[in-house]
Amino acid sequence: MSKIDPTARVADGAVIGEGTEIGPYCIIGPNVVIGANCKLIGHVHITAQTTIGDDCVIYPFASLGTPPQSLSYRGELTKLQIGSGCTIRESVTMNAGTVAGGGITTVGDRGYFMNCSHVGHDCHVGNDVIFATSATLGGHCEIGDFVFIGGLSAVHQFTRIGPQVMVGGVCGVRDDIIPFGLVNGQYAALEGLNLIGMKRRKFNKRRLATVRGFYQKLFHGPGTFAERLEASRPLAGEDPAIAEILDFIGKGKRPLCLPAIAK
């Protein structure tokens, strides 16, 4: 059975999963659903139509499902969906969606959100991400699986970050980042591939060499970027990662993060 501290306030209509612990001074709204075996340590605030998966741990002063920080918001009941196995540290904030943006903010499984990190309205965050201290997403961002965002970095609204990207600390991310990219700098510039992350995802030496060769041709070869991109399209069949990068670029509607020397 669930365990609710007598100082907590759980509204009628909220659903608390089996084995979940609600610690001191937590406030849970009437449209909230919390899965099994979660632990809210204390002083956690959850509102809106928020659902949280099983086995999550939420630390003090986290605020989840709060109204979107958008001038278009008119008090509608919108959604925040958080997956299973997430760790949400002190003072993390995640906003519900806006009607104009689809009405829902989503966060995947097994995310680790360090203190004071923020997920803005209508963002869609993948699985196994790590947000370091004060990593911040503007509204409508799309974040792939296994992304690491360094401390004090901020991502501009509507920006896409592909899977397995590493963003360095204190970066302003204004442009889309290709899958497997490594970016750094005051205004994030592409510095190469996230080779450490790729090795952790079991890329062998042959695959790494193939993808690195493609990267060099695309970003550092002769001619304009548009010419290099067109010439690189036949390479999609050489490795699934190359196909993923090309597909990501093809779907883009915003500028692409490029190496500093190519800007």
Protein backbone atom coordinates (compact mmCIF):
# COMPACT_ATOMS: atom_id res chain seq x y z
CA MET A 1 0.00 0.00 0.00
CA SER A 2 1.05 3.63 -0.44
CA LYS A 3 2.43 5.65 2.48
CA ILE A 4 1.35 9.30 2.79
CA ASP A 5 2.81 11.58 5.44
CA PRO A 6 0.09 13.29 7.51
CA THR A 7 1.44 16.73 6.58
CA ALA A 8 1.03 16.07 2.83
CA ARG A 9 -2.01 17.33 0.92
CA VAL A 10 -3.33 14.86 -1.63
CA ALA A 11 -6.44 16.13 -3.39
CA ASP A 12 -9.49 13.99 -4.00
CA GLY A 13 -9.22 12.38 -7.42
CA ALA A 14 -5.43 11.92 -7.36
CA VAL A 15 -4.24 8.34 -7.94
CA ILE A 16 -1.25 7.09 -5.91
CA GLY A 17 0.33 3.80 -6.96
CA GLU A 18 1.03 0.78 -4.80
CA GLY A 19 4.13 1.17 -2.63
CA THR A 20 4.57 4.88 -3.35
CA GLU A 21 5.71 7.14 -0.51
CA ILE A 22 4.50 10.74 -0.30
CA GLY A 23 6.76 12.62 2.09
CA PRO A 24 6.21 15.62 4.34
CA TYR A 25 4.50 18.74 2.98
CA CYS A 26 3.96 17.45 -0.54
CA ILE A 27 1.02 18.90 -2.50
CA ILE A 28 -0.65 16.65 -5.08
CA GLY A 29 -3.41 17.99 -7.33
CA PRO A 30 -6.70 16.25 -8.17
CA ASN A 31 -5.76 15.23 -11.72
CA VAL A 32 -2.38 13.69 -10.87
CA VAL A 33 -1.55 10.01 -11.36
CA ILE A 34 1.62 8.65 -9.71
CA GLY A 35 2.80 5.12 -10.47
CA ALA A 36 3.97 2.35 -8.18
CA ASN A 37 7.00 2.41 -5.90
CA CYS A 38 7.76 6.09 -6.34
CA LYS A 39 9.25 8.22 -3.57
CA LEU A 40 8.46 11.89 -3.09
CA ILE A 41 10.94 12.86 -0.41
CA GLY A 42 9.24 16.06 0.74
CA HIS A 43 7.96 19.49 -0.29
CA VAL A 44 7.13 18.25 -3.82
CA HIS A 45 4.41 20.07 -5.76
CA ILE A 46 2.58 18.25 -8.58
CA THR A 47 -0.36 19.75 -10.42
CA ALA A 48 -2.18 19.86 -13.79
CA GLN A 49 -2.99 16.56 -15.53
CA THR A 50 0.36 15.03 -14.63
CA THR A 51 1.18 11.34 -14.87
CA ILE A 52 4.37 9.85 -13.43
CA GLY A 53 5.56 6.32 -14.14
CA ASP A 54 6.75 3.69 -11.69
CA ASP A 55 9.96 3.80 -9.62
CA CYS A 56 10.60 7.53 -9.79
CA VAL A 57 12.37 9.46 -7.01
CA ILE A 58 11.50 13.14 -6.65
CA TYR A 59 13.47 15.41 -4.34
CA PRO A 60 12.37 18.46 -2.32
CA PHE A 61 11.00 21.58 -3.99
CA ALA A 62 10.52 19.97 -7.40
CA SER A 63 7.49 21.50 -9.11
CA LEU A 64 5.86 19.43 -11.83
CA GLY A 65 2.94 20.23 -14.11
CA THR A 66 2.92 23.93 -13.30
CA PRO A 67 1.33 26.24 -15.88
CA PRO A 68 3.26 26.81 -19.10
CA GLN A 69 5.29 30.00 -19.20
CA SER A 70 3.59 31.12 -22.39
CA LEU A 71 1.59 34.26 -23.12
CA SER A 72 -0.90 32.08 -25.04
CA TYR A 73 -1.92 30.16 -21.91
CA ARG A 74 -5.44 30.85 -20.68
CA GLY A 75 -5.73 28.47 -17.74
CA GLU A 76 -6.61 25.29 -19.66
CA LEU A 77 -6.03 21.90 -18.00
CA THR A 78 -3.10 20.47 -19.95
CA LYS A 79 -0.75 17.55 -19.47
CA LEU A 80 2.71 16.56 -18.29
CA GLN A 81 3.73 12.92 -18.79
CA ILE A 82 6.85 11.55 -17.08
CA GLY A 83 8.09 8.01 -17.66
CA SER A 84 9.38 5.36 -15.28
CA GLY A 85 12.61 5.20 -13.33
CA CYS A 86 13.34 8.94 -13.39
CA THR A 87 15.35 10.79 -10.76
CA ILE A 88 14.21 14.39 -10.34
CA ARG A 89 16.46 16.34 -8.01
CA GLU A 90 15.92 19.47 -5.93
CA SER A 91 14.03 22.43 -7.43
CA VAL A 92 13.53 20.87 -10.86
CA THR A 93 10.62 22.40 -12.79
CA MET A 94 8.63 20.82 -15.62
CA ASN A 95 5.71 22.70 -17.17
CA ALA A 96 2.52 21.28 -18.65
CA GLY A 97 1.80 21.85 -22.32
CA THR A 98 -0.20 24.53 -24.12
CA VAL A 99 -3.27 23.97 -26.25
CA ALA A 100 -1.50 25.58 -29.20
CA GLY A 101 1.49 23.24 -28.80
CA GLY A 102 -0.51 20.01 -28.56
CA GLY A 103 -1.43 20.21 -24.89
CA ILE A 104 1.26 17.90 -23.51
CA THR A 105 4.87 17.90 -22.35
CA THR A 106 6.50 14.46 -22.34
CA VAL A 107 9.57 13.08 -20.57
CA GLY A 108 10.78 9.53 -21.19
CA ASP A 109 12.08 6.77 -18.94
CA ARG A 110 15.17 6.72 -16.71
CA GLY A 111 15.96 10.41 -17.00
CA TYR A 112 18.26 12.03 -14.45
CA PHE A 113 17.44 15.69 -13.88
CA MET A 114 19.89 17.47 -11.59
CA ASN A 115 18.92 20.36 -9.36
CA CYS A 116 17.25 23.42 -10.88
CA SER A 117 16.99 21.95 -14.39
CA HIS A 118 13.90 22.93 -16.37
CA VAL A 119 11.69 21.36 -19.06
CA GLY A 120 9.53 23.97 -20.76
CA HIS A 121 6.01 23.57 -22.11
CA ASP A 122 5.33 21.26 -25.05
CA CYS A 123 8.84 19.76 -24.97
CA HIS A 124 9.33 16.11 -25.84
CA VAL A 125 12.29 14.56 -24.03
CA GLY A 126 13.53 11.04 -24.77
CA ASN A 127 14.77 8.17 -22.63
CA ASP A 128 17.98 7.94 -20.58
CA VAL A 129 18.77 11.64 -20.70
CA ILE A 130 20.90 13.53 -18.19
CA PHE A 131 20.29 17.21 -17.49
CA ALA A 132 23.06 18.69 -15.34
CA THR A 133 22.48 21.48 -12.85
CA SER A 134 20.33 24.31 -14.26
CA ALA A 135 20.14 22.84 -17.76
CA THR A 136 17.14 24.57 -19.31
CA LEU A 137 14.80 23.89 -22.23
CA GLY A 138 12.64 26.56 -23.81
CA GLY A 139 9.21 25.53 -25.03
CA HIS A 140 8.59 23.07 -27.87
CA CYS A 141 12.09 21.49 -27.83
CA GLU A 142 12.65 17.90 -28.98
CA ILE A 143 15.38 15.97 -27.16
CA GLY A 144 16.46 12.49 -28.29
CA ASP A 145 17.47 9.46 -26.25
CA PHE A 146 20.77 9.37 -24.32
CA VAL A 147 21.31 13.13 -24.56
CA PHE A 148 23.52 14.84 -21.98
CA ILE A 149 23.03 18.59 -21.43
CA GLY A 150 25.76 20.26 -19.39
CA GLY A 151 25.27 22.53 -16.42
CA LEU A 152 23.93 26.06 -16.97
CA SER A 153 23.23 25.36 -20.65
CA ALA A 154 20.06 26.72 -22.21
CA VAL A 155 18.27 25.42 -25.32
CA HIS A 156 16.27 27.86 -27.45
CA GLN A 157 12.59 27.13 -27.99
CA PHE A 158 11.66 24.87 -30.94
CA THR A 159 15.20 23.47 -31.12
CA ARG A 160 15.80 19.77 -31.83
CA ILE A 161 18.66 17.79 -30.28
CA GLY A 162 19.22 14.38 -31.84
CA PRO A 163 19.90 11.16 -29.94
CA GLN A 164 23.23 10.60 -28.18
CA VAL A 165 24.28 14.27 -28.28
CA MET A 166 26.53 15.80 -25.65
CA VAL A 167 26.12 19.51 -24.91
CA GLY A 168 28.94 21.07 -22.92
CA GLY A 169 28.42 23.31 -19.91
CA VAL A 170 27.38 26.97 -20.13
CA CYS A 171 26.24 26.68 -23.76
CA GLY A 172 23.56 28.66 -25.49
CA VAL A 173 22.01 26.22 -27.97
CA ARG A 174 20.27 28.14 -30.76
CA ASP A 175 20.38 25.59 -33.60
CA ASP A 176 19.42 21.95 -34.19
CA ILE A 177 22.13 19.44 -33.27
CA ILE A 178 22.66 16.31 -35.36
CA PRO A 179 22.43 12.89 -33.70
CA PHE A 180 25.72 11.82 -32.07
CA GLY A 181 27.01 15.42 -32.11
CA LEU A 182 29.32 17.01 -29.55
CA VAL A 183 28.80 20.75 -29.08
CA ASN A 184 30.49 23.34 -26.92
CA GLY A 185 31.06 27.07 -26.60
CA GLN A 186 29.17 30.17 -25.46
CA TYR A 187 26.93 29.79 -28.51
CA ALA A 188 27.09 26.06 -29.10
CA ALA A 189 29.19 25.02 -32.10
CA LEU A 190 29.65 21.49 -33.38
CA GLU A 191 33.05 20.16 -32.32
CA GLY A 192 32.76 16.58 -33.57
CA LEU A 193 31.04 13.36 -32.66
CA ASN A 194 30.20 12.15 -29.16
CA LEU A 195 32.60 9.23 -29.47
CA ILE A 196 32.51 8.31 -25.80
CA GLY A 197 28.74 8.05 -25.91
CA MET A 198 28.87 6.04 -29.13
CA LYS A 199 31.32 3.58 -27.57
CA ARG A 200 28.98 3.21 -24.61
CA ARG A 201 26.22 2.35 -27.10
CA LYS A 202 28.45 -0.47 -28.45
CA PHE A 203 29.74 1.14 -31.65
CA ASN A 204 32.76 -0.93 -32.71
CA LYS A 205 35.91 0.49 -34.34
CA ARG A 206 34.65 -0.18 -37.86
CA ARG A 207 31.38 1.66 -37.30
CA LEU A 208 33.14 4.55 -35.59
CA ALA A 209 35.56 4.91 -38.51
CA THR A 210 32.71 4.83 -41.03
CA VAL A 211 30.66 7.48 -39.24
CA ARG A 212 33.71 9.67 -38.61
CA GLY A 213 34.60 9.52 -42.29
CA PHE A 214 31.08 10.61 -43.20
CA TYR A 215 31.24 13.44 -40.66
CA GLN A 216 34.51 14.75 -42.12
CA LYS A 217 33.10 14.74 -45.65
CA LEU A 218 29.88 16.46 -44.61
CA PHE A 219 31.30 19.20 -42.39
CA HIS A 220 34.90 19.65 -43.53
CA GLY A 221 35.01 18.60 -47.18
CA PRO A 222 35.35 20.94 -50.18
CA GLY A 223 32.46 23.02 -51.50
CA THR A 224 29.45 24.52 -49.78
CA PHE A 225 27.54 22.68 -47.07
CA ALA A 226 24.57 22.23 -49.39
CA GLU A 227 26.84 20.62 -52.01
CA ARG A 228 28.47 18.34 -49.45
CA LEU A 229 25.08 17.34 -48.05
CA GLU A 230 23.80 16.37 -51.48
CA ALA A 231 26.98 14.40 -52.21
CA SER A 232 26.69 12.59 -48.87
CA ARG A 233 23.16 11.27 -49.37
CA PRO A 234 24.29 8.03 -51.07
CA LEU A 235 26.30 7.20 -47.93
CA ALA A 236 23.11 6.55 -45.94
CA GLY A 237 23.37 2.84 -46.67
CA GLU A 238 26.83 2.50 -45.11
CA ASP A 239 25.64 2.71 -41.49
CA PRO A 240 22.33 3.26 -39.68
CA ALA A 241 23.85 6.20 -37.79
CA ILE A 242 24.62 7.97 -41.08
CA ALA A 243 21.07 7.39 -42.26
CA GLU A 244 19.79 8.77 -38.95
CA ILE A 245 21.88 11.93 -39.26
CA LEU A 246 20.79 12.56 -42.84
CA ASP A 247 17.15 11.95 -41.98
CA PHE A 248 17.42 14.38 -39.04
CA ILE A 249 18.88 17.08 -41.28
CA GLY A 250 16.22 16.49 -43.93
CA LYS A 251 13.41 17.03 -41.41
CA GLY A 252 14.85 20.25 -40.04
CA LYS A 253 13.01 23.56 -40.08
CA ARG A 254 15.58 25.55 -38.12
CA PRO A 255 19.26 26.31 -38.74
CA LEU A 256 21.68 23.47 -38.12
CA CYS A 257 24.47 23.69 -35.56
CA LEU A 258 27.73 23.73 -37.54
CA PRO A 259 31.42 23.76 -36.67
CA ALA A 260 32.60 27.24 -35.75
CA ILE A 261 34.89 27.44 -38.79
CA ALA A 262 31.94 26.65 -41.07
CA LYS A 263 29.68 29.40 -39.69
